Amino acid sequence: MSNLNLFSALRAAFPADLDAIAVETADAGGPGLCYSWRDLDRATAMMANMLASLELPEGSRVAVQVEKSVEAMLLYLATLRAGYVFLPLNTAYQSAEIEYFIGNAEPAVVICSPKNFGWVSQIAFTAGTKHVFTLGDDRTGSLLERAAHCSDLHTPAVKDNDDLAAILYTSGTTGRSKGAMLTHGNMRSNAVVLKDYWGWTGTGGPDGRGDVLIHALPIFHVHGLFVAIHAALLNGSKMIWLNRFDPRTVISRMREATVFMGVPTLYVRMLAEPALTREAAQGMRLFISGSAPLLIETFTEWQQRTGHTILERYGMSETIMLTSNPCHADARYSGQTERRGGTVGFPLPGVSLRVQDDAGQPVPLGEIGGIQVKGPNVFGGYWRMPEKTAEEFTADGFFKTGDVGRIDERGYVTIVGRSKDLIISGGYNVYPAEIEGYINELPGVAESALVGVPHPDFGEVGVAVMIAKPGATVRPEAVIAELKAKLANFKIPKRCFVVSELPRNTMGKVQKNLLRDQYAKLFT
C-alpha cells in the first residue's frame, strides 16, 4: 500500500532547495538560530531512529510535556515519522494531572523538561513506563544526547489513513479528561483543505519566496501544533519562531512575514502597543484568530489600526478545524467573500455541519441549537472510552460537538456557547454569549463572563463577572439597569461583579468552571 504517514506528506512538500531557511528563532533577547529544511529532515530522522532503537510495540504512545522549542516540534515530527502516537501535554499540568494522563494513556516513552525530571520520572516509572527522557528549551537534555548518536537517514514508517497519529486530552472541565484519538488521515485531510482555503501559495512573501508564518502559539494544542505547523510545512513556508509570545517582537517581525495565527488575548496585547500601525502590518496577508471567542471590539479595533480584517475560524481537539471565515473571493466558494465579526464563517470543504434541537430535529435558520459535524477530519473516538464515544455520535455518524450555535440565511455559523454553559433559569434557556455581547458593549466594560449558579427559586440564575477598561469605573447596578431596558427579565443577571481579571487557561479561554465554583453558594 502507499504510505499515508502524515510526515511523508509534509516531507514531500519541502522545497527543492533544502539549504533554504525553514525556521528562524526570534525570541526577544535570545540568539537568533536558523534551521534549514535539511536540518529538519536530518534531525527528525535522528530522533525517529532513536525512538526506533527502543524497540517499542506497535502503536506506542510518546507523552511529551516540555517547554516550546524548535526541537520540541522536531520531536513531534519524528514521532510521526517513526510511526508512534504523539501525546502532547499542557506545560501547566501538575503532578495529579500528569499521573492521570500517564495512567490512562500508558505511554511507552515520556519526555519532560529537565527541571521536572524528578517528579515526572517517578510517576512514569511507577506507572510502568520504561523510558523517560528530558528536553530543554535551550537545546539540552538526554533526548538530544541520545539522538546525536543515531543515523540521519530514516525511511518513514508505513501508515494508513486510519492509523492513530496523536491523542489530545480535552480540558476536562466537566469530569475526567478524555483523550481524542486523531489519525494520520484526520490531520492530513484538514491540512490540505486549510492550505487551499486560506490561500497559502508559493509566491507573495516579502522575500519573493512565498508565505512566511510567525509562530507564537503553544505547541501542546491543536492550534499551534497542528493548524500552524502543518500549514507552513505543507506549503514549504518559512516560520519565524517564538518560544514565548512577545507583542513587540511579533510586530517588529511582521515586515518579514505574511501570516500570523493567534488567540484573542494575543491580539489584545498587540493592540496595546503603539508600534502596531498600518505601516507595520502592510506586508502581512492574513491574521487568523481562534481557540476562544474574539470580541467584536477587538475585531473592529484591529481593522482600524492595521487595515486588516482578522479571519475567525472554529475547531476543536476532536475535529481540528471545522469552519472558517473566507480568506479571499474564490469562484469555488460562491458567496463566501466577507469576513464577518462575531461569526466563525462557513463549514470547510468536506465538512458537513448541522444545528439540531434536543430531540434531534433540525432547527430553522437563525434559531439556536446543538452543533453536529461530520467529515474526514472528525476523530474516531475517545481513548479507551467506548461508551462515551457512542454517546457523542449520532446514529448517522455526526459528532455532537457540545457547542451551541446558529446558521444564518447566508450560511455563516455563529457560536453561542458551550451546551454545558447553558443556564436554565425558571425553565427558560439563557445563552451566556448573548448576554455577554450586550454587557461588552456597555461603556467602560472591557470583557465579561456570565455563569449559572444554583438558586432556590429559579433553579439557576446568571451571575455576570466583568473587567473594567483601564481608568473606567463600572457600577454593577448600572449594568443591570441597562440590561433590563434591552432584555427579557429572565435573561438579566441576578448579580454583577467587577474584577481585575478573569481566570483563563493557557489558550486564553475563560475558565467558567472556576467562576461557577467561586460563586456557587451566592444564593444557597
Protein backbone atom coordinates (compact mmCIF):
# COMPACT_ATOMS: atom_id res chain seq x y z
CA MET A 1 0.00 0.00 0.00
CA SER A 2 1.07 3.63 -0.42
CA ASN A 3 2.49 5.34 2.63
CA LEU A 4 -0.14 7.69 4.08
CA ASN A 5 2.03 8.71 7.02
CA LEU A 6 1.35 12.41 7.66
CA PHE A 7 5.08 13.04 7.96
CA SER A 8 5.61 11.69 4.42
CA ALA A 9 3.11 14.24 3.07
CA LEU A 10 4.83 17.07 4.94
CA ARG A 11 8.30 15.91 3.89
CA ALA A 12 7.21 15.73 0.23
CA ALA A 13 6.33 19.43 0.39
CA PHE A 14 9.82 20.54 1.46
CA PRO A 15 11.26 22.90 -1.18
CA ALA A 16 13.86 21.71 -3.66
CA ASP A 17 16.47 23.91 -2.02
CA LEU A 18 16.94 22.04 1.25
CA ASP A 19 19.53 24.56 2.39
CA ALA A 20 16.97 27.37 2.48
CA ILE A 21 15.87 28.54 5.91
CA ALA A 22 12.85 26.63 7.26
CA VAL A 23 12.73 28.05 10.80
CA GLU A 24 14.28 31.15 12.31
CA THR A 25 14.05 31.74 16.06
CA ALA A 26 13.10 35.25 17.13
CA ASP A 27 12.71 35.42 20.88
CA ALA A 28 13.49 38.81 22.38
CA GLY A 29 16.98 38.85 23.86
CA GLY A 30 17.82 35.37 22.62
CA PRO A 31 20.27 34.34 19.91
CA GLY A 32 18.61 34.03 16.54
CA LEU A 33 19.08 30.48 15.23
CA CYS A 34 18.33 29.30 11.70
CA TYR A 35 17.29 25.74 10.78
CA SER A 36 17.36 24.70 7.14
CA TRP A 37 14.95 22.22 5.59
CA ARG A 38 17.87 19.78 5.53
CA ASP A 39 18.28 20.31 9.28
CA LEU A 40 14.61 19.42 9.79
CA ASP A 41 14.97 16.28 7.71
CA ARG A 42 18.18 15.13 9.42
CA ALA A 43 17.08 15.96 12.98
CA THR A 44 13.73 14.20 12.67
CA ALA A 45 15.49 11.19 11.15
CA MET A 46 17.91 11.00 14.08
CA MET A 47 15.11 11.31 16.66
CA ALA A 48 13.00 8.74 14.78
CA ASN A 49 15.93 6.32 14.74
CA MET A 50 16.43 6.88 18.45
CA LEU A 51 12.78 6.03 19.16
CA ALA A 52 13.00 3.01 16.87
CA SER A 53 16.09 1.80 18.77
CA LEU A 54 13.91 1.41 21.87
CA GLU A 55 12.05 -1.42 20.07
CA LEU A 56 8.66 -0.13 21.17
CA PRO A 57 5.46 -2.07 20.46
CA GLU A 58 3.29 -1.01 17.52
CA GLY A 59 1.09 1.95 18.41
CA SER A 60 3.18 3.04 21.39
CA ARG A 61 2.37 6.43 22.85
CA VAL A 62 5.06 9.09 23.32
CA ALA A 63 3.93 11.53 26.03
CA VAL A 64 5.59 14.95 25.91
CA GLN A 65 5.43 17.76 28.46
CA VAL A 66 8.18 20.22 27.56
CA GLU A 67 8.54 23.96 27.03
CA LYS A 68 8.12 25.20 23.48
CA SER A 69 11.18 24.97 21.24
CA VAL A 70 12.05 24.08 17.67
CA GLU A 71 13.43 20.78 19.00
CA ALA A 72 10.04 20.03 20.60
CA MET A 73 8.43 20.49 17.17
CA LEU A 74 11.05 18.20 15.65
CA LEU A 75 10.21 15.60 18.29
CA TYR A 76 6.56 15.70 17.21
CA LEU A 77 7.54 15.21 13.57
CA ALA A 78 9.97 12.43 14.49
CA THR A 79 7.25 10.59 16.40
CA LEU A 80 5.05 10.66 13.30
CA ARG A 81 8.00 9.63 11.15
CA ALA A 82 8.75 6.65 13.38
CA GLY A 83 5.08 5.61 13.33
CA TYR A 84 4.27 6.12 17.00
CA VAL A 85 1.47 8.11 18.65
CA PHE A 86 2.21 11.64 19.87
CA LEU A 87 0.66 12.72 23.18
CA PRO A 88 1.24 16.46 23.90
CA LEU A 89 0.61 17.64 27.46
CA ASN A 90 -0.01 21.19 28.63
CA THR A 91 3.05 22.61 30.39
CA ALA A 92 0.79 23.92 33.17
CA TYR A 93 -0.27 20.42 34.28
CA GLN A 94 0.85 19.43 37.76
CA SER A 95 1.55 16.05 39.36
CA ALA A 96 -2.04 14.83 39.91
CA GLU A 97 -2.93 15.63 36.29
CA ILE A 98 0.22 14.06 34.86
CA GLU A 99 -0.41 10.97 36.98
CA TYR A 100 -3.88 10.64 35.43
CA PHE A 101 -2.69 11.13 31.84
CA ILE A 102 0.19 8.69 32.16
CA GLY A 103 -2.01 6.15 33.92
CA ASN A 104 -4.71 6.47 31.29
CA ALA A 105 -2.58 6.56 28.14
CA GLU A 106 0.15 4.16 29.35
CA PRO A 107 2.89 5.76 27.22
CA ALA A 108 5.96 3.72 26.39
CA VAL A 109 8.05 6.90 26.41
CA VAL A 110 7.73 10.08 28.49
CA ILE A 111 9.71 13.21 27.69
CA CYS A 112 9.71 16.12 30.13
CA SER A 113 11.56 19.34 30.93
CA PRO A 114 14.88 18.76 32.75
CA LYS A 115 13.64 20.71 35.78
CA ASN A 116 10.68 18.32 36.18
CA PHE A 117 12.55 15.06 35.67
CA GLY A 118 12.50 14.09 39.35
CA TRP A 119 8.75 14.04 39.92
CA VAL A 120 7.68 13.19 36.36
CA SER A 121 10.01 10.19 36.13
CA GLN A 122 8.78 8.91 39.49
CA ILE A 123 5.17 9.00 38.24
CA ALA A 124 6.12 7.44 34.90
CA PHE A 125 8.24 4.60 36.29
CA THR A 126 5.59 3.80 38.92
CA ALA A 127 3.01 3.55 36.14
CA GLY A 128 5.19 1.14 34.17
CA THR A 129 6.75 3.48 31.60
CA LYS A 130 10.20 2.17 30.73
CA HIS A 131 11.76 5.19 29.03
CA VAL A 132 11.91 8.77 30.36
CA PHE A 133 13.98 11.45 28.64
CA THR A 134 14.43 15.19 29.07
CA LEU A 135 14.28 18.03 26.55
CA GLY A 136 15.00 21.65 27.45
CA ASP A 137 14.05 24.75 25.50
CA ASP A 138 17.77 25.58 25.22
CA ARG A 139 18.71 22.54 23.07
CA THR A 140 19.73 20.44 26.09
CA GLY A 141 18.51 17.18 27.55
CA SER A 142 19.02 13.43 27.40
CA LEU A 143 16.78 13.07 24.32
CA LEU A 144 19.12 15.10 22.14
CA GLU A 145 22.21 13.50 23.69
CA ARG A 146 20.88 10.05 22.80
CA ALA A 147 19.66 11.06 19.32
CA ALA A 148 23.06 12.61 18.47
CA HIS A 149 24.49 9.09 18.10
CA CYS A 150 21.81 7.94 15.63
CA SER A 151 21.84 7.93 11.85
CA ASP A 152 20.42 10.92 9.99
CA LEU A 153 18.83 8.66 7.38
CA HIS A 154 15.40 7.17 8.06
CA THR A 155 12.57 5.76 5.97
CA PRO A 156 9.20 6.90 7.39
CA ALA A 157 7.08 4.14 8.90
CA VAL A 158 4.28 2.96 6.62
CA LYS A 159 0.90 4.17 7.90
CA ASP A 160 -2.68 4.12 6.64
CA ASN A 161 -5.36 6.82 6.91
CA ASP A 162 -6.98 5.13 9.91
CA ASP A 163 -3.78 4.61 11.89
CA LEU A 164 -3.58 6.60 15.11
CA ALA A 165 -1.20 9.59 14.98
CA ALA A 166 -1.96 11.61 18.11
CA ILE A 167 -4.04 11.69 21.27
CA LEU A 168 -5.14 15.07 22.61
CA TYR A 169 -6.67 15.25 26.05
CA THR A 170 -9.58 17.65 26.39
CA SER A 171 -9.55 20.17 29.21
CA GLY A 172 -11.82 18.09 31.43
CA THR A 173 -13.87 20.94 32.89
CA THR A 174 -16.90 18.69 33.35
CA GLY A 175 -15.29 15.47 34.56
CA ARG A 176 -12.38 13.27 33.58
CA SER A 177 -10.28 14.48 30.67
CA LYS A 178 -10.93 12.49 27.52
CA GLY A 179 -8.24 11.52 25.02
CA ALA A 180 -9.35 12.43 21.49
CA MET A 181 -7.78 10.00 19.01
CA LEU A 182 -6.68 11.64 15.76
CA THR A 183 -5.47 9.62 12.80
CA HIS A 184 -2.98 10.37 10.04
CA GLY A 185 -5.97 10.77 7.70
CA ASN A 186 -7.77 13.19 10.03
CA MET A 187 -4.82 15.53 10.22
CA ARG A 188 -3.59 15.28 6.63
CA SER A 189 -7.05 15.93 5.15
CA ASN A 190 -7.54 19.02 7.32
CA ALA A 191 -4.09 20.40 6.50
CA VAL A 192 -4.68 20.02 2.75
CA VAL A 193 -8.08 21.77 2.96
CA LEU A 194 -6.72 24.67 5.04
CA LYS A 195 -3.74 25.19 2.74
CA ASP A 196 -6.18 25.70 -0.13
CA TYR A 197 -8.95 27.59 1.70
CA TRP A 198 -6.58 30.04 3.37
CA GLY A 199 -4.75 30.71 0.13
CA TRP A 200 -1.26 29.50 1.03
CA THR A 201 0.90 29.90 -2.04
CA GLY A 202 4.50 29.64 -3.11
CA THR A 203 4.63 33.31 -4.07
CA GLY A 204 3.79 36.58 -2.41
CA GLY A 205 6.06 36.63 0.62
CA PRO A 206 8.26 39.64 1.40
CA ASP A 207 11.30 37.77 0.12
CA GLY A 208 9.50 36.65 -3.02
CA ARG A 209 9.62 33.02 -1.98
CA GLY A 210 6.14 32.54 -0.56
CA ASP A 211 4.17 32.87 2.64
CA VAL A 212 6.08 33.25 5.91
CA LEU A 213 4.41 32.33 9.20
CA ILE A 214 5.02 33.99 12.56
CA HIS A 215 4.61 31.10 15.02
CA ALA A 216 3.92 32.43 18.52
CA LEU A 217 1.44 29.84 19.84
CA PRO A 218 1.99 26.98 22.31
CA ILE A 219 2.52 23.58 20.69
CA PHE A 220 0.62 21.31 23.07
CA HIS A 221 -2.67 22.32 21.44
CA VAL A 222 -4.40 21.84 18.05
CA HIS A 223 -3.96 25.48 17.03
CA GLY A 224 -0.21 25.77 17.37
CA LEU A 225 0.86 22.15 16.91
CA PHE A 226 -1.35 21.07 14.03
CA VAL A 227 -3.00 24.03 12.27
CA ALA A 228 0.00 26.36 12.21
CA ILE A 229 2.86 23.88 11.78
CA HIS A 230 1.13 21.64 9.25
CA ALA A 231 0.12 24.62 7.11
CA ALA A 232 3.62 26.05 6.98
CA LEU A 233 5.33 22.73 6.30
CA LEU A 234 2.79 21.62 3.70
CA ASN A 235 3.40 24.87 1.85
CA GLY A 236 7.19 24.75 2.23
CA SER A 237 6.95 28.06 4.12
CA LYS A 238 9.49 29.55 6.46
CA MET A 239 8.48 30.00 10.11
CA ILE A 240 9.61 32.88 12.32
CA TRP A 241 9.54 31.07 15.65
CA LEU A 242 8.92 32.47 19.12
CA ASN A 243 9.14 30.16 22.13
CA ARG A 244 7.22 32.79 24.08
CA PHE A 245 4.82 35.36 22.70
CA ASP A 246 6.12 38.90 22.90
CA PRO A 247 3.91 41.56 21.27
CA ARG A 248 6.75 43.92 20.37
CA THR A 249 8.79 41.15 18.77
CA VAL A 250 5.82 39.93 16.72
CA ILE A 251 5.06 43.45 15.48
CA SER A 252 8.71 44.06 14.60
CA ARG A 253 8.85 40.87 12.51
CA MET A 254 5.65 41.48 10.53
CA ARG A 255 7.63 43.14 7.75
CA GLU A 256 9.29 39.79 7.04
CA ALA A 257 6.12 37.68 7.25
CA THR A 258 2.70 37.23 5.67
CA VAL A 259 0.66 35.07 8.09
CA PHE A 260 0.02 35.21 11.84
CA MET A 261 -2.14 32.87 13.91
CA GLY A 262 -3.16 33.82 17.42
CA VAL A 263 -5.74 33.60 20.17
CA PRO A 264 -7.75 36.75 21.06
CA THR A 265 -5.50 37.56 24.03
CA LEU A 266 -2.50 37.94 21.71
CA TYR A 267 -4.37 40.43 19.52
CA VAL A 268 -5.43 42.44 22.58
CA ARG A 269 -1.83 42.61 23.79
CA MET A 270 -0.57 43.76 20.39
CA LEU A 271 -3.27 46.45 20.24
CA ALA A 272 -1.80 47.86 23.45
CA GLU A 273 1.48 48.53 21.62
CA PRO A 274 1.95 51.91 19.89
CA ALA A 275 4.18 50.20 17.31
CA LEU A 276 1.14 48.41 15.83
CA THR A 277 0.34 50.56 12.80
CA ARG A 278 -0.82 50.13 9.22
CA GLU A 279 2.77 50.53 8.11
CA ALA A 280 3.99 47.78 10.44
CA ALA A 281 1.36 45.35 9.13
CA GLN A 282 1.28 46.39 5.48
CA GLY A 283 3.21 43.37 4.22
CA MET A 284 1.01 40.87 6.04
CA ARG A 285 -1.53 38.81 4.10
CA LEU A 286 -3.57 37.07 6.78
CA PHE A 287 -4.32 37.30 10.50
CA ILE A 288 -6.18 34.28 11.92
CA SER A 289 -7.83 34.01 15.34
CA GLY A 290 -9.28 31.05 17.17
CA SER A 291 -9.36 28.87 20.31
CA ALA A 292 -11.57 31.42 22.12
CA PRO A 293 -14.22 33.96 21.06
CA LEU A 294 -12.91 37.20 19.57
CA LEU A 295 -14.66 40.27 20.96
CA ILE A 296 -16.23 42.42 18.25
CA GLU A 297 -14.41 45.39 19.80
CA THR A 298 -11.05 43.69 19.20
CA PHE A 299 -12.13 42.73 15.67
CA THR A 300 -13.08 46.34 14.86
CA GLU A 301 -10.09 47.99 16.53
CA TRP A 302 -7.70 45.69 14.64
CA GLN A 303 -9.32 46.73 11.36
CA GLN A 304 -8.93 50.39 12.22
CA ARG A 305 -5.33 50.13 13.44
CA THR A 306 -3.89 47.83 10.79
CA GLY A 307 -6.24 47.89 7.82
CA HIS A 308 -6.55 44.10 8.10
CA THR A 309 -9.66 42.08 8.93
CA ILE A 310 -8.99 39.17 11.28
CA LEU A 311 -10.19 35.80 10.00
CA GLU A 312 -12.01 33.87 12.72
CA ARG A 313 -12.38 30.12 12.48
CA TYR A 314 -13.77 27.29 14.63
CA GLY A 315 -12.34 23.96 15.58
CA MET A 316 -11.73 21.65 18.50
CA SER A 317 -9.41 18.87 19.66
CA GLU A 318 -11.73 16.18 18.31
CA THR A 319 -12.06 17.64 14.82
CA ILE A 320 -9.17 20.06 14.15
CA MET A 321 -10.71 22.87 12.02
CA LEU A 322 -14.41 22.82 11.09
CA THR A 323 -15.35 26.27 9.78
CA SER A 324 -13.64 29.44 8.64
CA ASN A 325 -14.46 32.92 7.51
CA PRO A 326 -13.39 33.44 3.90
CA CYS A 327 -9.79 34.12 3.05
CA HIS A 328 -10.45 35.76 -0.33
CA ALA A 329 -13.04 35.77 -3.07
CA ASP A 330 -12.93 32.46 -4.91
CA ALA A 331 -15.37 31.24 -7.54
CA ARG A 332 -15.32 27.78 -5.99
CA TYR A 333 -16.83 29.17 -2.78
CA SER A 334 -19.78 31.14 -4.14
CA GLY A 335 -20.95 33.93 -1.84
CA GLN A 336 -18.11 33.41 0.64
CA THR A 337 -16.35 36.76 0.44
CA GLU A 338 -16.90 38.73 3.66
CA ARG A 339 -15.17 38.12 6.97
CA ARG A 340 -17.92 38.84 9.46
CA GLY A 341 -17.02 39.68 13.05
CA GLY A 342 -18.81 37.58 15.65
CA THR A 343 -19.11 34.61 13.29
CA VAL A 344 -16.82 31.68 12.50
CA GLY A 345 -17.69 31.64 8.82
CA PHE A 346 -18.70 28.64 6.75
CA PRO A 347 -18.16 24.87 7.05
CA LEU A 348 -14.87 23.97 5.38
CA PRO A 349 -14.95 21.92 2.17
CA GLY A 350 -15.68 18.30 3.06
CA VAL A 351 -17.25 19.18 6.43
CA SER A 352 -20.98 18.67 6.99
CA LEU A 353 -22.38 20.85 9.77
CA ARG A 354 -25.93 20.98 11.10
CA VAL A 355 -27.77 22.53 14.04
CA GLN A 356 -30.34 20.39 15.87
CA ASP A 357 -32.58 20.64 18.91
CA ASP A 358 -32.51 18.35 21.94
CA ALA A 359 -34.90 15.96 20.20
CA GLY A 360 -32.52 15.54 17.27
CA GLN A 361 -34.57 17.63 14.84
CA PRO A 362 -33.17 20.39 12.59
CA VAL A 363 -33.83 23.93 13.82
CA PRO A 364 -34.91 26.74 11.44
CA LEU A 365 -32.31 29.14 10.05
CA GLY A 366 -31.28 31.65 12.68
CA GLU A 367 -32.51 29.50 15.56
CA ILE A 368 -30.14 28.20 18.25
CA GLY A 369 -29.35 24.52 18.69
CA GLY A 370 -26.58 21.98 19.16
CA ILE A 371 -23.84 21.89 16.51
CA GLN A 372 -23.11 18.49 14.95
CA VAL A 373 -20.40 17.75 12.40
CA LYS A 374 -19.16 15.03 10.08
CA GLY A 375 -16.12 14.82 7.80
CA PRO A 376 -12.71 13.23 7.18
CA ASN A 377 -11.19 15.49 9.87
CA VAL A 378 -13.51 14.24 12.64
CA PHE A 379 -11.87 11.86 15.13
CA GLY A 380 -12.93 8.26 15.58
CA GLY A 381 -13.49 8.36 19.32
CA TYR A 382 -12.07 8.78 22.80
CA TRP A 383 -9.15 6.72 24.04
CA ARG A 384 -10.43 3.70 25.99
CA MET A 385 -13.89 5.24 26.41
CA PRO A 386 -16.19 3.30 24.04
CA GLU A 387 -19.34 4.20 25.97
CA LYS A 388 -18.52 7.92 25.95
CA THR A 389 -17.65 7.72 22.26
CA ALA A 390 -21.01 6.10 21.48
CA GLU A 391 -22.82 8.86 23.42
CA GLU A 392 -21.15 11.62 21.43
CA PHE A 393 -22.05 10.34 17.95
CA THR A 394 -25.50 10.23 16.35
CA ALA A 395 -26.89 7.15 14.63
CA ASP A 396 -25.99 8.65 11.23
CA GLY A 397 -22.39 9.36 12.23
CA PHE A 398 -22.42 13.04 13.23
CA PHE A 399 -20.28 14.14 16.19
CA LYS A 400 -22.11 16.18 18.80
CA THR A 401 -19.62 18.98 19.47
CA GLY A 402 -21.22 20.23 22.69
CA ASP A 403 -21.24 23.73 21.19
CA VAL A 404 -24.43 25.71 20.77
CA GLY A 405 -24.89 27.95 17.76
CA ARG A 406 -26.91 29.01 14.74
CA ILE A 407 -26.63 29.31 10.97
CA ASP A 408 -27.96 32.44 9.25
CA GLU A 409 -29.60 32.74 5.84
CA ARG A 410 -26.21 33.32 4.18
CA GLY A 411 -24.69 30.21 5.74
CA TYR A 412 -22.49 31.92 8.34
CA VAL A 413 -22.08 29.94 11.56
CA THR A 414 -22.17 31.73 14.91
CA ILE A 415 -21.13 30.00 18.14
CA VAL A 416 -23.35 30.99 21.05
CA GLY A 417 -21.54 28.97 23.71
CA ARG A 418 -20.98 25.52 25.13
CA SER A 419 -24.01 23.41 25.99
CA LYS A 420 -22.55 22.92 29.46
CA ASP A 421 -22.59 26.71 29.91
CA LEU A 422 -26.30 26.93 29.13
CA ILE A 423 -28.26 28.43 32.05
CA ILE A 424 -31.81 27.19 32.63
CA SER A 425 -33.45 29.81 34.81
CA GLY A 426 -37.07 29.29 35.81
CA GLY A 427 -37.48 26.91 32.88
CA TYR A 428 -36.11 29.37 30.31
CA ASN A 429 -32.89 28.86 28.36
CA VAL A 430 -30.32 31.62 28.82
CA TYR A 431 -27.34 31.63 26.45
CA PRO A 432 -24.37 33.36 28.12
CA ALA A 433 -22.77 34.60 24.90
CA GLU A 434 -25.90 36.61 24.06
CA ILE A 435 -25.88 38.41 27.42
CA GLU A 436 -22.09 38.87 27.34
CA GLY A 437 -22.45 40.58 23.95
CA TYR A 438 -24.74 43.21 25.44
CA ILE A 439 -22.59 43.70 28.54
CA ASN A 440 -19.41 44.08 26.49
CA GLU A 441 -20.98 46.96 24.55
CA LEU A 442 -21.65 48.98 27.71
CA PRO A 443 -19.38 51.98 28.45
CA GLY A 444 -16.32 51.09 30.47
CA VAL A 445 -16.64 47.30 30.14
CA ALA A 446 -13.62 45.53 28.65
CA GLU A 447 -14.90 41.95 28.86
CA SER A 448 -17.46 39.86 30.71
CA ALA A 449 -18.37 36.29 31.54
CA LEU A 450 -21.83 35.05 32.54
CA VAL A 451 -22.15 31.83 34.53
CA GLY A 452 -25.08 29.97 36.03
CA VAL A 453 -25.19 29.28 39.77
CA PRO A 454 -27.76 27.44 41.92
CA HIS A 455 -30.79 29.41 43.11
CA PRO A 456 -33.54 28.18 45.49
CA ASP A 457 -36.42 29.66 43.44
CA PHE A 458 -35.26 29.60 39.81
CA GLY A 459 -33.01 26.54 39.86
CA GLU A 460 -30.25 28.56 38.24
CA VAL A 461 -29.59 32.25 37.72
CA GLY A 462 -26.92 34.19 35.88
CA VAL A 463 -24.03 35.93 37.57
CA ALA A 464 -22.02 38.40 35.47
CA VAL A 465 -18.31 38.89 36.13
CA MET A 466 -16.74 41.87 34.37
CA ILE A 467 -13.40 43.56 33.77
CA ALA A 468 -13.39 47.36 33.50
CA LYS A 469 -11.36 49.19 30.88
CA PRO A 470 -8.26 50.98 32.21
CA GLY A 471 -9.31 54.15 34.02
CA ALA A 472 -13.02 53.35 33.76
CA THR A 473 -15.50 52.75 36.59
CA VAL A 474 -18.23 50.16 36.07
CA ARG A 475 -21.11 50.06 38.55
CA PRO A 476 -22.86 46.67 38.78
CA GLU A 477 -26.27 48.21 39.49
CA ALA A 478 -25.95 50.42 36.40
CA VAL A 479 -25.15 47.36 34.26
CA ILE A 480 -28.27 45.57 35.47
CA ALA A 481 -30.39 48.66 34.84
CA GLU A 482 -29.07 48.92 31.27
CA LEU A 483 -29.76 45.26 30.57
CA LYS A 484 -33.30 45.49 31.92
CA ALA A 485 -34.04 48.09 29.25
CA LYS A 486 -32.90 45.73 26.49
CA LEU A 487 -33.57 42.10 27.50
CA ALA A 488 -36.29 39.86 28.85
CA ASN A 489 -36.28 39.70 32.64
CA PHE A 490 -35.31 36.01 32.80
CA LYS A 491 -32.06 36.85 30.99
CA ILE A 492 -30.96 39.54 33.46
CA PRO A 493 -28.08 38.51 35.77
CA LYS A 494 -29.13 38.45 39.41
CA ARG A 495 -25.73 39.78 40.47
CA CYS A 496 -22.81 41.52 38.79
CA PHE A 497 -19.21 41.72 39.96
CA VAL A 498 -16.25 43.76 38.72
CA VAL A 499 -12.87 42.00 39.00
CA SER A 500 -9.31 42.78 37.91
CA GLU A 501 -9.05 39.73 35.64
CA LEU A 502 -10.93 36.64 34.52
CA PRO A 503 -9.44 33.16 35.06
CA ARG A 504 -8.10 31.78 31.79
CA ASN A 505 -6.37 28.69 30.52
CA THR A 506 -3.16 28.85 28.50
CA MET A 507 -5.09 29.34 25.24
CA GLY A 508 -6.90 32.39 26.57
CA LYS A 509 -10.28 30.76 27.16
CA VAL A 510 -12.16 31.98 30.22
CA GLN A 511 -12.44 29.11 32.71
CA LYS A 512 -16.11 29.40 33.56
CA ASN A 513 -15.98 26.29 35.73
CA LEU A 514 -13.78 28.21 38.18
CA LEU A 515 -16.21 31.14 38.21
CA ARG A 516 -19.14 28.77 38.80
CA ASP A 517 -17.29 27.25 41.75
CA GLN A 518 -16.41 30.69 43.14
CA TYR A 519 -19.99 31.94 43.15
CA ALA A 520 -21.80 28.62 43.68
CA LYS A 521 -23.05 29.47 47.18
CA LEU A 522 -24.13 33.03 46.46
CA PHE A 523 -27.84 32.26 46.78
CA THR A 524 -27.89 29.00 48.74
